[in-house]
Amino acid sequence: MTEPNAQPQTTQDPNAPLVNPQAVYIKDCSFEAPSGPFLSQADGAPTVNLNLGTRATALSQDLHEVVLQVNLEAKLGDKVAWLLELQQAGAFTIRNLPANDLANVLSIAAPNYLLSFARSTVAELVTKGGFPPFLLPLVTFEGLHARAAQSQQPNPSPAVN
């Protein structure tokens, strides 16, 4: 008879691919509201400019840090309502992946994972600044990755006849 809480014994292949988040954290954060929430609403809803970027750094052989950089600027007319800069970071154990798959994890899967944490932090900071919450839109990191990969390819030489 087996114990009710006994876990089945499984043997994991040490060569099997592994991607595992180890930590999610705010690496850097800044929020500024120069006039507080006291801007005239006569100008309507603020215009928000969003810039996103990612970077990955190998911390050790199997441990990688991925940082999702979020820069937001909200303006009402020509006045800045608020500015927000966030570096949402995560540490990921990644093992036994081919180079192409590793690049996909670092530039697509990990930023997608971090985006939900960044979305929560942004909404909370903007709300605590006295403004309605701002929700980061859905982002297609696959498209950004493809565009970055394409820009890194050397330009083909023109054909000579």
C-alpha atoms as a PDB file:
ATOM      1  CA  MET A   1       0.000   0.000   0.000  1.00  0.00           C
ATOM      2  CA  THR A   2       1.347   3.427  -0.891  1.00  0.00           C
ATOM      3  CA  GLU A   3       1.281   6.469   1.314  1.00  0.00           C
ATOM      4  CA  PRO A   4      -1.359   9.033   0.271  1.00  0.00           C
ATOM      5  CA  ASN A   5       1.146  11.904  -0.010  1.00  0.00           C
ATOM      6  CA  ALA A   6       3.908   9.906  -1.639  1.00  0.00           C
ATOM      7  CA  GLN A   7       5.282  11.487  -4.803  1.00  0.00           C
ATOM      8  CA  PRO A   8       5.953   9.160  -7.712  1.00  0.00           C
ATOM      9  CA  GLN A   9       9.625   8.665  -8.335  1.00  0.00           C
ATOM     10  CA  THR A  10      10.593  10.130 -11.685  1.00  0.00           C
ATOM     11  CA  THR A  11      14.021  10.321 -13.134  1.00  0.00           C
ATOM     12  CA  GLN A  12      14.737  13.406 -15.152  1.00  0.00           C
ATOM     13  CA  ASP A  13      17.049  13.288 -18.088  1.00  0.00           C
ATOM     14  CA  PRO A  14      19.979  15.588 -17.206  1.00  0.00           C
ATOM     15  CA  ASN A  15      20.295  16.412 -20.921  1.00  0.00           C
ATOM     16  CA  ALA A  16      16.651  17.440 -21.310  1.00  0.00           C
ATOM     17  CA  PRO A  17      16.014  21.104 -22.203  1.00  0.00           C
ATOM     18  CA  LEU A  18      15.181  23.235 -19.169  1.00  0.00           C
ATOM     19  CA  VAL A  19      13.876  26.787 -18.840  1.00  0.00           C
ATOM     20  CA  ASN A  20      12.983  27.760 -15.304  1.00  0.00           C
ATOM     21  CA  PRO A  21      12.445  31.227 -13.766  1.00  0.00           C
ATOM     22  CA  GLN A  22      14.419  31.679 -10.542  1.00  0.00           C
ATOM     23  CA  ALA A  23      13.542  35.251  -9.557  1.00  0.00           C
ATOM     24  CA  VAL A  24      11.530  38.216 -10.814  1.00  0.00           C
ATOM     25  CA  TYR A  25      12.476  41.649  -9.521  1.00  0.00           C
ATOM     26  CA  ILE A  26      12.497  45.363 -10.192  1.00  0.00           C
ATOM     27  CA  LYS A  27      16.043  46.270 -11.171  1.00  0.00           C
ATOM     28  CA  ASP A  28      15.362  50.002 -11.496  1.00  0.00           C
ATOM     29  CA  CYS A  29      12.269  52.181 -11.317  1.00  0.00           C
ATOM     30  CA  SER A  30      11.428  55.871 -11.557  1.00  0.00           C
ATOM     31  CA  PHE A  31       8.081  57.685 -11.554  1.00  0.00           C
ATOM     32  CA  GLU A  32       7.707  61.438 -11.901  1.00  0.00           C
ATOM     33  CA  ALA A  33       4.549  63.562 -11.956  1.00  0.00           C
ATOM     34  CA  PRO A  34       5.850  67.153 -12.176  1.00  0.00           C
ATOM     35  CA  SER A  35       2.453  68.752 -11.433  1.00  0.00           C
ATOM     36  CA  GLY A  36       0.920  65.846  -9.580  1.00  0.00           C
ATOM     37  CA  PRO A  37      -2.555  64.900 -10.757  1.00  0.00           C
ATOM     38  CA  PHE A  38      -3.563  68.577 -10.950  1.00  0.00           C
ATOM     39  CA  LEU A  39      -3.330  69.142 -14.695  1.00  0.00           C
ATOM     40  CA  SER A  40      -6.363  70.506 -16.462  1.00  0.00           C
ATOM     41  CA  GLN A  41      -8.514  67.777 -17.952  1.00  0.00           C
ATOM     42  CA  ALA A  42      -9.668  70.296 -20.588  1.00  0.00           C
ATOM     43  CA  ASP A  43      -6.964  68.945 -22.915  1.00  0.00           C
ATOM     44  CA  GLY A  44      -8.669  65.515 -22.815  1.00  0.00           C
ATOM     45  CA  ALA A  45      -6.973  62.189 -22.245  1.00  0.00           C
ATOM     46  CA  PRO A  46      -3.199  62.176 -22.086  1.00  0.00           C
ATOM     47  CA  THR A  47      -1.116  60.980 -25.002  1.00  0.00           C
ATOM     48  CA  VAL A  48       1.175  58.193 -23.848  1.00  0.00           C
ATOM     49  CA  ASN A  49       4.415  57.344 -25.656  1.00  0.00           C
ATOM     50  CA  LEU A  50       5.694  53.844 -24.964  1.00  0.00           C
ATOM     51  CA  ASN A  51       9.164  52.497 -25.666  1.00  0.00           C
ATOM     52  CA  LEU A  52      10.127  48.927 -24.848  1.00  0.00           C
ATOM     53  CA  GLY A  53      13.470  47.204 -24.984  1.00  0.00           C
ATOM     54  CA  THR A  54      15.022  44.003 -23.755  1.00  0.00           C
ATOM     55  CA  ARG A  55      18.494  42.832 -22.934  1.00  0.00           C
ATOM     56  CA  ALA A  56      19.895  39.565 -21.699  1.00  0.00           C
ATOM     57  CA  THR A  57      23.081  38.854 -19.778  1.00  0.00           C
ATOM     58  CA  ALA A  58      24.614  35.511 -18.898  1.00  0.00           C
ATOM     59  CA  LEU A  59      25.229  35.482 -15.147  1.00  0.00           C
ATOM     60  CA  SER A  60      26.780  32.010 -15.221  1.00  0.00           C
ATOM     61  CA  GLN A  61      26.778  29.026 -17.562  1.00  0.00           C
ATOM     62  CA  ASP A  62      23.110  28.176 -16.982  1.00  0.00           C
ATOM     63  CA  LEU A  63      21.773  31.375 -15.381  1.00  0.00           C
ATOM     64  CA  HIS A  64      20.644  34.344 -17.489  1.00  0.00           C
ATOM     65  CA  GLU A  65      19.240  37.711 -16.493  1.00  0.00           C
ATOM     66  CA  VAL A  66      16.636  39.210 -18.823  1.00  0.00           C
ATOM     67  CA  VAL A  67      15.618  42.850 -18.385  1.00  0.00           C
ATOM     68  CA  LEU A  68      12.471  44.345 -19.886  1.00  0.00           C
ATOM     69  CA  GLN A  69      12.942  48.121 -20.121  1.00  0.00           C
ATOM     70  CA  VAL A  70       9.675  50.112 -20.146  1.00  0.00           C
ATOM     71  CA  ASN A  71       9.728  53.878 -20.758  1.00  0.00           C
ATOM     72  CA  LEU A  72       6.451  55.801 -20.684  1.00  0.00           C
ATOM     73  CA  GLU A  73       5.720  59.491 -21.085  1.00  0.00           C
ATOM     74  CA  ALA A  74       2.175  60.829 -20.655  1.00  0.00           C
ATOM     75  CA  LYS A  75       1.440  64.330 -21.911  1.00  0.00           C
ATOM     76  CA  LEU A  76      -1.632  66.540 -21.732  1.00  0.00           C
ATOM     77  CA  GLY A  77      -1.116  69.001 -24.549  1.00  0.00           C
ATOM     78  CA  ASP A  78       2.467  70.180 -24.202  1.00  0.00           C
ATOM     79  CA  LYS A  79       2.719  69.458 -20.454  1.00  0.00           C
ATOM     80  CA  VAL A  80       4.152  66.254 -19.056  1.00  0.00           C
ATOM     81  CA  ALA A  81       1.584  64.547 -16.836  1.00  0.00           C
ATOM     82  CA  TRP A  82       3.871  61.719 -15.762  1.00  0.00           C
ATOM     83  CA  LEU A  83       7.023  59.838 -16.697  1.00  0.00           C
ATOM     84  CA  LEU A  84       7.765  56.250 -15.802  1.00  0.00           C
ATOM     85  CA  GLU A  85      10.896  54.198 -16.344  1.00  0.00           C
ATOM     86  CA  LEU A  86      10.951  50.577 -15.257  1.00  0.00           C
ATOM     87  CA  GLN A  87      13.469  47.794 -15.582  1.00  0.00           C
ATOM     88  CA  GLN A  88      11.545  44.603 -14.820  1.00  0.00           C
ATOM     89  CA  ALA A  89      14.071  41.798 -14.562  1.00  0.00           C
ATOM     90  CA  GLY A  90      14.138  38.067 -14.154  1.00  0.00           C
ATOM     91  CA  ALA A  91      16.757  35.400 -13.618  1.00  0.00           C
ATOM     92  CA  PHE A  92      16.212  32.206 -15.605  1.00  0.00           C
ATOM     93  CA  THR A  93      17.949  28.860 -15.455  1.00  0.00           C
ATOM     94  CA  ILE A  94      18.331  27.696 -19.047  1.00  0.00           C
ATOM     95  CA  ARG A  95      20.046  24.443 -19.955  1.00  0.00           C
ATOM     96  CA  ASN A  96      20.520  22.147 -22.919  1.00  0.00           C
ATOM     97  CA  LEU A  97      19.078  24.392 -25.631  1.00  0.00           C
ATOM     98  CA  PRO A  98      20.516  24.923 -29.099  1.00  0.00           C
ATOM     99  CA  ALA A  99      21.744  28.484 -29.708  1.00  0.00           C
ATOM    100  CA  ASN A 100      18.698  29.430 -31.805  1.00  0.00           C
ATOM    101  CA  ASP A 101      16.279  28.189 -29.123  1.00  0.00           C
ATOM    102  CA  LEU A 102      18.277  29.972 -26.424  1.00  0.00           C
ATOM    103  CA  ALA A 103      18.006  33.235 -28.388  1.00  0.00           C
ATOM    104  CA  ASN A 104      14.233  32.707 -28.705  1.00  0.00           C
ATOM    105  CA  VAL A 105      13.854  32.145 -24.964  1.00  0.00           C
ATOM    106  CA  LEU A 106      15.943  35.218 -24.092  1.00  0.00           C
ATOM    107  CA  SER A 107      14.247  37.575 -26.551  1.00  0.00           C
ATOM    108  CA  ILE A 108      10.680  36.187 -26.744  1.00  0.00           C
ATOM    109  CA  ALA A 109       9.626  33.804 -23.952  1.00  0.00           C
ATOM    110  CA  ALA A 110      11.348  35.541 -21.027  1.00  0.00           C
ATOM    111  CA  PRO A 111      10.157  39.078 -21.970  1.00  0.00           C
ATOM    112  CA  ASN A 112       6.617  37.694 -22.435  1.00  0.00           C
ATOM    113  CA  TYR A 113       6.871  36.206 -18.942  1.00  0.00           C
ATOM    114  CA  LEU A 114       8.131  39.502 -17.459  1.00  0.00           C
ATOM    115  CA  LEU A 115       5.503  41.650 -19.204  1.00  0.00           C
ATOM    116  CA  SER A 116       2.704  40.674 -16.816  1.00  0.00           C
ATOM    117  CA  PHE A 117       4.847  41.721 -13.833  1.00  0.00           C
ATOM    118  CA  ALA A 118       5.728  45.007 -15.548  1.00  0.00           C
ATOM    119  CA  ARG A 119       2.063  45.618 -16.423  1.00  0.00           C
ATOM    120  CA  SER A 120       1.098  45.282 -12.744  1.00  0.00           C
ATOM    121  CA  THR A 121       3.921  47.554 -11.561  1.00  0.00           C
ATOM    122  CA  VAL A 122       3.118  50.251 -14.141  1.00  0.00           C
ATOM    123  CA  ALA A 123      -0.605  50.266 -13.310  1.00  0.00           C
ATOM    124  CA  GLU A 124       0.113  50.472  -9.584  1.00  0.00           C
ATOM    125  CA  LEU A 125       2.677  53.279  -9.864  1.00  0.00           C
ATOM    126  CA  VAL A 126       0.524  55.406 -12.156  1.00  0.00           C
ATOM    127  CA  THR A 127      -2.467  54.936  -9.828  1.00  0.00           C
ATOM    128  CA  LYS A 128      -0.385  55.827  -6.764  1.00  0.00           C
ATOM    129  CA  GLY A 129       0.706  58.941  -8.658  1.00  0.00           C
ATOM    130  CA  GLY A 130      -2.928  60.079  -8.666  1.00  0.00           C
ATOM    131  CA  PHE A 131      -3.805  59.117 -12.246  1.00  0.00           C
ATOM    132  CA  PRO A 132      -6.090  56.482 -13.736  1.00  0.00           C
ATOM    133  CA  PRO A 133      -4.227  53.177 -14.164  1.00  0.00           C
ATOM    134  CA  PHE A 134      -2.328  52.685 -17.392  1.00  0.00           C
ATOM    135  CA  LEU A 135      -2.325  49.133 -18.721  1.00  0.00           C
ATOM    136  CA  LEU A 136       0.570  48.144 -20.924  1.00  0.00           C
ATOM    137  CA  PRO A 137      -0.714  46.798 -24.226  1.00  0.00           C
ATOM    138  CA  LEU A 138      -0.062  43.312 -25.507  1.00  0.00           C
ATOM    139  CA  VAL A 139       3.326  43.140 -27.167  1.00  0.00           C
ATOM    140  CA  THR A 140       4.493  40.801 -29.899  1.00  0.00           C
ATOM    141  CA  PHE A 141       8.046  40.030 -28.875  1.00  0.00           C
ATOM    142  CA  GLU A 142       8.191  37.544 -31.737  1.00  0.00           C
ATOM    143  CA  GLY A 143       7.910  40.428 -34.199  1.00  0.00           C
ATOM    144  CA  LEU A 144      10.509  42.483 -32.345  1.00  0.00           C
ATOM    145  CA  HIS A 145      12.855  39.482 -32.293  1.00  0.00           C
ATOM    146  CA  ALA A 146      12.383  38.870 -36.026  1.00  0.00           C
ATOM    147  CA  ARG A 147      13.002  42.546 -36.803  1.00  0.00           C
ATOM    148  CA  ALA A 148      16.157  42.589 -34.659  1.00  0.00           C
ATOM    149  CA  ALA A 149      17.445  39.378 -36.267  1.00  0.00           C
ATOM    150  CA  GLN A 150      16.797  40.777 -39.731  1.00  0.00           C
ATOM    151  CA  SER A 151      18.622  44.026 -38.966  1.00  0.00           C
ATOM    152  CA  GLN A 152      21.668  42.032 -37.785  1.00  0.00           C
ATOM    153  CA  GLN A 153      21.958  40.104 -41.049  1.00  0.00           C
ATOM    154  CA  PRO A 154      24.519  41.516 -43.448  1.00  0.00           C
ATOM    155  CA  ASN A 155      23.090  43.149 -46.531  1.00  0.00           C
ATOM    156  CA  PRO A 156      23.451  40.838 -49.534  1.00  0.00           C
ATOM    157  CA  SER A 157      25.834  42.007 -52.186  1.00  0.00           C
ATOM    158  CA  PRO A 158      24.161  43.134 -55.387  1.00  0.00           C
ATOM    159  CA  ALA A 159      24.336  40.597 -58.173  1.00  0.00           C
ATOM    160  CA  VAL A 160      26.865  41.367 -60.864  1.00  0.00           C
ATOM    161  CA  ASN A 161      25.927  40.496 -64.435  1.00  0.00           C
END
